[in-house]
Amino acid sequence: MRTPKDLMAVHVPKEDLGDYSLSEAGWYAMDDGGHVILGPFESLSLCDRAIRDRLEQQKKM
C-alpha cells in the first residue's frame, strides 16, 4: 500500500460528490494526491482524530 506524505481534512458538500466519485457528503481525509483515504465523518474534529490515528499506526509499521 502506498504511504501518503500528507493527509488533510476536506469537506465535500453534496454538490461536489461527483468530482470525487463519492456518494455521501461530509468530511474526508485526502492524501497529497487528492485521493480519499478515510471518511466520511460528521465533523472536522472526528476527521482530524482519524488522520492522527492513521499517521500513528503508520509510524508503528
PDB file of N, CA and C in Angstrom:
ATOM      1  N   MET A   1       0.839  -1.186   0.000  1.00  0.00           N
ATOM      2  CA  MET A   1       0.000   0.000   0.000  1.00  0.00           C
ATOM      3  C   MET A   1       0.879   1.242   0.000  1.00  0.00           C
ATOM      4  N   ARG A   2       0.519   2.204  -0.829  1.00  0.00           N
ATOM      5  CA  ARG A   2       1.270   3.442  -0.914  1.00  0.00           C
ATOM      6  C   ARG A   2       1.052   4.260   0.353  1.00  0.00           C
ATOM      7  N   THR A   3       2.129   4.855   0.859  1.00  0.00           N
ATOM      8  CA  THR A   3       2.031   5.697   2.043  1.00  0.00           C
ATOM      9  C   THR A   3       1.949   7.153   1.618  1.00  0.00           C
ATOM     10  N   PRO A   4       0.851   7.836   1.925  1.00  0.00           N
ATOM     11  CA  PRO A   4       0.751   9.248   1.556  1.00  0.00           C
ATOM     12  C   PRO A   4       1.698  10.085   2.397  1.00  0.00           C
ATOM     13  N   LYS A   5       2.204  11.143   1.807  1.00  0.00           N
ATOM     14  CA  LYS A   5       3.103  12.026   2.542  1.00  0.00           C
ATOM     15  C   LYS A   5       2.329  12.894   3.519  1.00  0.00           C
ATOM     16  N   ASP A   6       1.186  13.372   3.098  1.00  0.00           N
ATOM     17  CA  ASP A   6       0.369  14.240   3.938  1.00  0.00           C
ATOM     18  C   ASP A   6      -1.091  13.838   3.815  1.00  0.00           C
ATOM     19  N   LEU A   7      -1.812  13.960   4.903  1.00  0.00           N
ATOM     20  CA  LEU A   7      -3.263  13.792   4.888  1.00  0.00           C
ATOM     21  C   LEU A   7      -3.879  15.098   5.355  1.00  0.00           C
ATOM     22  N   MET A   8      -4.973  15.492   4.711  1.00  0.00           N
ATOM     23  CA  MET A   8      -5.651  16.719   5.114  1.00  0.00           C
ATOM     24  C   MET A   8      -7.147  16.476   5.149  1.00  0.00           C
ATOM     25  N   ALA A   9      -7.821  17.201   6.019  1.00  0.00           N
ATOM     26  CA  ALA A   9      -9.272  17.105   6.140  1.00  0.00           C
ATOM     27  C   ALA A   9      -9.909  18.038   5.116  1.00  0.00           C
ATOM     28  N   VAL A  10     -10.859  17.495   4.364  1.00  0.00           N
ATOM     29  CA  VAL A  10     -11.547  18.264   3.323  1.00  0.00           C
ATOM     30  C   VAL A  10     -13.043  18.020   3.447  1.00  0.00           C
ATOM     31  N   HIS A  11     -13.818  19.098   3.446  1.00  0.00           N
ATOM     32  CA  HIS A  11     -15.270  18.943   3.460  1.00  0.00           C
ATOM     33  C   HIS A  11     -15.760  18.877   2.025  1.00  0.00           C
ATOM     34  N   VAL A  12     -16.512  17.826   1.711  1.00  0.00           N
ATOM     35  CA  VAL A  12     -17.081  17.646   0.378  1.00  0.00           C
ATOM     36  C   VAL A  12     -18.595  17.827   0.495  1.00  0.00           C
ATOM     37  N   PRO A  13     -19.116  18.945  -0.046  1.00  0.00           N
ATOM     38  CA  PRO A  13     -20.562  19.163   0.006  1.00  0.00           C
ATOM     39  C   PRO A  13     -21.288  18.300  -1.022  1.00  0.00           C
ATOM     40  N   LYS A  14     -22.571  18.190  -0.861  1.00  0.00           N
ATOM     41  CA  LYS A  14     -23.409  17.341  -1.717  1.00  0.00           C
ATOM     42  C   LYS A  14     -23.207  17.646  -3.204  1.00  0.00           C
ATOM     43  N   GLU A  15     -23.105  18.922  -3.552  1.00  0.00           N
ATOM     44  CA  GLU A  15     -23.000  19.300  -4.964  1.00  0.00           C
ATOM     45  C   GLU A  15     -21.651  18.938  -5.594  1.00  0.00           C
ATOM     46  N   ASP A  16     -20.645  18.603  -4.791  1.00  0.00           N
ATOM     47  CA  ASP A  16     -19.321  18.240  -5.315  1.00  0.00           C
ATOM     48  C   ASP A  16     -19.031  16.738  -5.255  1.00  0.00           C
ATOM     49  N   LEU A  17     -20.002  15.933  -4.864  1.00  0.00           N
ATOM     50  CA  LEU A  17     -19.773  14.496  -4.702  1.00  0.00           C
ATOM     51  C   LEU A  17     -19.248  13.844  -5.977  1.00  0.00           C
ATOM     52  N   GLY A  18     -19.786  14.216  -7.116  1.00  0.00           N
ATOM     53  CA  GLY A  18     -19.365  13.622  -8.383  1.00  0.00           C
ATOM     54  C   GLY A  18     -17.912  13.900  -8.726  1.00  0.00           C
ATOM     55  N   ASP A  19     -17.382  15.035  -8.278  1.00  0.00           N
ATOM     56  CA  ASP A  19     -15.982  15.382  -8.544  1.00  0.00           C
ATOM     57  C   ASP A  19     -15.025  14.397  -7.889  1.00  0.00           C
ATOM     58  N   TYR A  20     -15.466  13.780  -6.800  1.00  0.00           N
ATOM     59  CA  TYR A  20     -14.613  12.859  -6.043  1.00  0.00           C
ATOM     60  C   TYR A  20     -15.094  11.410  -6.122  1.00  0.00           C
ATOM     61  N   SER A  21     -16.101  11.145  -6.918  1.00  0.00           N
ATOM     62  CA  SER A  21     -16.704   9.805  -7.028  1.00  0.00           C
ATOM     63  C   SER A  21     -17.167   9.291  -5.666  1.00  0.00           C
ATOM     64  N   LEU A  22     -17.828  10.153  -4.922  1.00  0.00           N
ATOM     65  CA  LEU A  22     -18.344   9.811  -3.596  1.00  0.00           C
ATOM     66  C   LEU A  22     -19.864   9.816  -3.633  1.00  0.00           C
ATOM     67  N   SER A  23     -20.475   9.150  -2.664  1.00  0.00           N
ATOM     68  CA  SER A  23     -21.936   9.097  -2.618  1.00  0.00           C
ATOM     69  C   SER A  23     -22.519   9.795  -1.394  1.00  0.00           C
ATOM     70  N   GLU A  24     -21.661  10.277  -0.499  1.00  0.00           N
ATOM     71  CA  GLU A  24     -22.147  10.885   0.738  1.00  0.00           C
ATOM     72  C   GLU A  24     -21.330  12.131   1.068  1.00  0.00           C
ATOM     73  N   ALA A  25     -22.020  13.228   1.355  1.00  0.00           N
ATOM     74  CA  ALA A  25     -21.346  14.462   1.747  1.00  0.00           C
ATOM     75  C   ALA A  25     -20.755  14.302   3.142  1.00  0.00           C
ATOM     76  N   GLY A  26     -19.710  15.046   3.432  1.00  0.00           N
ATOM     77  CA  GLY A  26     -19.103  15.012   4.756  1.00  0.00           C
ATOM     78  C   GLY A  26     -17.633  15.361   4.703  1.00  0.00           C
ATOM     79  N   TRP A  27     -16.967  15.117   5.809  1.00  0.00           N
ATOM     80  CA  TRP A  27     -15.530  15.370   5.931  1.00  0.00           C
ATOM     81  C   TRP A  27     -14.762  14.115   5.548  1.00  0.00           C
ATOM     82  N   TYR A  28     -13.716  14.295   4.756  1.00  0.00           N
ATOM     83  CA  TYR A  28     -12.892  13.185   4.287  1.00  0.00           C
ATOM     84  C   TYR A  28     -11.424  13.516   4.513  1.00  0.00           C
ATOM     85  N   ALA A  29     -10.635  12.476   4.766  1.00  0.00           N
ATOM     86  CA  ALA A  29      -9.181  12.621   4.812  1.00  0.00           C
ATOM     87  C   ALA A  29      -8.661  12.298   3.419  1.00  0.00           C
ATOM     88  N   MET A  30      -7.960  13.265   2.832  1.00  0.00           N
ATOM     89  CA  MET A  30      -7.401  13.074   1.494  1.00  0.00           C
ATOM     90  C   MET A  30      -5.890  13.170   1.563  1.00  0.00           C
ATOM     91  N   ASP A  31      -5.232  12.401   0.689  1.00  0.00           N
ATOM     92  CA  ASP A  31      -3.774  12.470   0.652  1.00  0.00           C
ATOM     93  C   ASP A  31      -3.338  13.613  -0.252  1.00  0.00           C
ATOM     94  N   ASP A  32      -2.023  13.796  -0.351  1.00  0.00           N
ATOM     95  CA  ASP A  32      -1.492  14.916  -1.116  1.00  0.00           C
ATOM     96  C   ASP A  32      -1.710  14.767  -2.618  1.00  0.00           C
ATOM     97  N   GLY A  33      -2.211  13.622  -3.055  1.00  0.00           N
ATOM     98  CA  GLY A  33      -2.546  13.418  -4.460  1.00  0.00           C
ATOM     99  C   GLY A  33      -4.026  13.610  -4.749  1.00  0.00           C
ATOM    100  N   GLY A  34      -4.799  14.000  -3.724  1.00  0.00           N
ATOM    101  CA  GLY A  34      -6.226  14.222  -3.898  1.00  0.00           C
ATOM    102  C   GLY A  34      -7.072  12.966  -3.831  1.00  0.00           C
ATOM    103  N   HIS A  35      -6.502  11.880  -3.322  1.00  0.00           N
ATOM    104  CA  HIS A  35      -7.237  10.620  -3.190  1.00  0.00           C
ATOM    105  C   HIS A  35      -7.875  10.525  -1.806  1.00  0.00           C
ATOM    106  N   VAL A  36      -9.128  10.094  -1.769  1.00  0.00           N
ATOM    107  CA  VAL A  36      -9.825   9.917  -0.493  1.00  0.00           C
ATOM    108  C   VAL A  36      -9.254   8.692   0.210  1.00  0.00           C
ATOM    109  N   ILE A  37      -8.828   8.870   1.455  1.00  0.00           N
ATOM    110  CA  ILE A  37      -8.236   7.792   2.246  1.00  0.00           C
ATOM    111  C   ILE A  37      -9.200   7.318   3.334  1.00  0.00           C
ATOM    112  N   LEU A  38      -9.865   8.249   4.007  1.00  0.00           N
ATOM    113  CA  LEU A  38     -10.780   7.924   5.102  1.00  0.00           C
ATOM    114  C   LEU A  38     -12.039   8.779   4.996  1.00  0.00           C
ATOM    115  N   GLY A  39     -13.142   8.263   5.516  1.00  0.00           N
ATOM    116  CA  GLY A  39     -14.340   9.071   5.593  1.00  0.00           C
ATOM    117  C   GLY A  39     -15.537   8.342   5.027  1.00  0.00           C
ATOM    118  N   PRO A  40     -16.678   8.930   5.118  1.00  0.00           N
ATOM    119  CA  PRO A  40     -16.954  10.290   5.567  1.00  0.00           C
ATOM    120  C   PRO A  40     -17.088  10.385   7.089  1.00  0.00           C
ATOM    121  N   PHE A  41     -16.864  11.587   7.580  1.00  0.00           N
ATOM    122  CA  PHE A  41     -17.014  11.886   9.002  1.00  0.00           C
ATOM    123  C   PHE A  41     -18.020  13.015   9.147  1.00  0.00           C
ATOM    124  N   GLU A  42     -18.711  13.036  10.276  1.00  0.00           N
ATOM    125  CA  GLU A  42     -19.731  14.057  10.518  1.00  0.00           C
ATOM    126  C   GLU A  42     -19.143  15.410  10.874  1.00  0.00           C
ATOM    127  N   SER A  43     -17.903  15.423  11.379  1.00  0.00           N
ATOM    128  CA  SER A  43     -17.318  16.695  11.801  1.00  0.00           C
ATOM    129  C   SER A  43     -15.824  16.736  11.495  1.00  0.00           C
ATOM    130  N   LEU A  44     -15.306  17.947  11.469  1.00  0.00           N
ATOM    131  CA  LEU A  44     -13.877  18.148  11.259  1.00  0.00           C
ATOM    132  C   LEU A  44     -13.071  17.499  12.374  1.00  0.00           C
ATOM    133  N   SER A  45     -13.537  17.598  13.607  1.00  0.00           N
ATOM    134  CA  SER A  45     -12.781  17.028  14.726  1.00  0.00           C
ATOM    135  C   SER A  45     -12.676  15.503  14.618  1.00  0.00           C
ATOM    136  N   LEU A  46     -13.739  14.839  14.185  1.00  0.00           N
ATOM    137  CA  LEU A  46     -13.675  13.381  14.002  1.00  0.00           C
ATOM    138  C   LEU A  46     -12.717  13.011  12.876  1.00  0.00           C
ATOM    139  N   CYS A  47     -12.726  13.789  11.818  1.00  0.00           N
ATOM    140  CA  CYS A  47     -11.824  13.543  10.696  1.00  0.00           C
ATOM    141  C   CYS A  47     -10.371  13.749  11.127  1.00  0.00           C
ATOM    142  N   ASP A  48     -10.108  14.840  11.841  1.00  0.00           N
ATOM    143  CA  ASP A  48      -8.747  15.109  12.330  1.00  0.00           C
ATOM    144  C   ASP A  48      -8.253  13.993  13.246  1.00  0.00           C
ATOM    145  N   ARG A  49      -9.116  13.500  14.113  1.00  0.00           N
ATOM    146  CA  ARG A  49      -8.739  12.412  15.013  1.00  0.00           C
ATOM    147  C   ARG A  49      -8.380  11.153  14.219  1.00  0.00           C
ATOM    148  N   ALA A  50      -9.163  10.847  13.193  1.00  0.00           N
ATOM    149  CA  ALA A  50      -8.887   9.673  12.356  1.00  0.00           C
ATOM    150  C   ALA A  50      -7.560   9.828  11.612  1.00  0.00           C
ATOM    151  N   ILE A  51      -7.266  11.044  11.166  1.00  0.00           N
ATOM    152  CA  ILE A  51      -5.986  11.299  10.494  1.00  0.00           C
ATOM    153  C   ILE A  51      -4.836  11.065  11.463  1.00  0.00           C
ATOM    154  N   ARG A  52      -4.950  11.605  12.670  1.00  0.00           N
ATOM    155  CA  ARG A  52      -3.888  11.413  13.678  1.00  0.00           C
ATOM    156  C   ARG A  52      -3.695   9.935  13.987  1.00  0.00           C
ATOM    157  N   ASP A  53      -4.798   9.212  14.170  1.00  0.00           N
ATOM    158  CA  ASP A  53      -4.716   7.776  14.459  1.00  0.00           C
ATOM    159  C   ASP A  53      -4.049   7.025  13.314  1.00  0.00           C
ATOM    160  N   ARG A  54      -4.411   7.359  12.102  1.00  0.00           N
ATOM    161  CA  ARG A  54      -3.832   6.692  10.918  1.00  0.00           C
ATOM    162  C   ARG A  54      -2.327   6.942  10.838  1.00  0.00           C
ATOM    163  N   LEU A  55      -1.917   8.183  11.064  1.00  0.00           N
ATOM    164  CA  LEU A  55      -0.492   8.510  10.995  1.00  0.00           C
ATOM    165  C   LEU A  55       0.290   7.823  12.113  1.00  0.00           C
ATOM    166  N   GLU A  56      -0.308   7.709  13.294  1.00  0.00           N
ATOM    167  CA  GLU A  56       0.341   6.999  14.400  1.00  0.00           C
ATOM    168  C   GLU A  56       0.518   5.521  14.067  1.00  0.00           C
ATOM    169  N   GLN A  57      -0.491   4.908  13.465  1.00  0.00           N
ATOM    170  CA  GLN A  57      -0.395   3.498  13.072  1.00  0.00           C
ATOM    171  C   GLN A  57       0.710   3.296  12.047  1.00  0.00           C
ATOM    172  N   GLN A  58       0.845   4.230  11.120  1.00  0.00           N
ATOM    173  CA  GLN A  58       1.869   4.109  10.081  1.00  0.00           C
ATOM    174  C   GLN A  58       3.272   4.228  10.665  1.00  0.00           C
ATOM    175  N   LYS A  59       3.431   5.030  11.708  1.00  0.00           N
ATOM    176  CA  LYS A  59       4.737   5.170  12.357  1.00  0.00           C
ATOM    177  C   LYS A  59       5.168   3.858  13.002  1.00  0.00           C
ATOM    178  N   LYS A  60       4.200   3.087  13.497  1.00  0.00           N
ATOM    179  CA  LYS A  60       4.498   1.832  14.189  1.00  0.00           C
ATOM    180  C   LYS A  60       4.866   0.712  13.232  1.00  0.00           C
ATOM    181  N   MET A  61       4.546   0.869  11.955  1.00  0.00           N
ATOM    182  CA  MET A  61       4.827  -0.187  10.969  1.00  0.00           C
ATOM    183  C   MET A  61       6.274  -0.194  10.558  1.00  0.00           C
TER     184      MET A  61
END
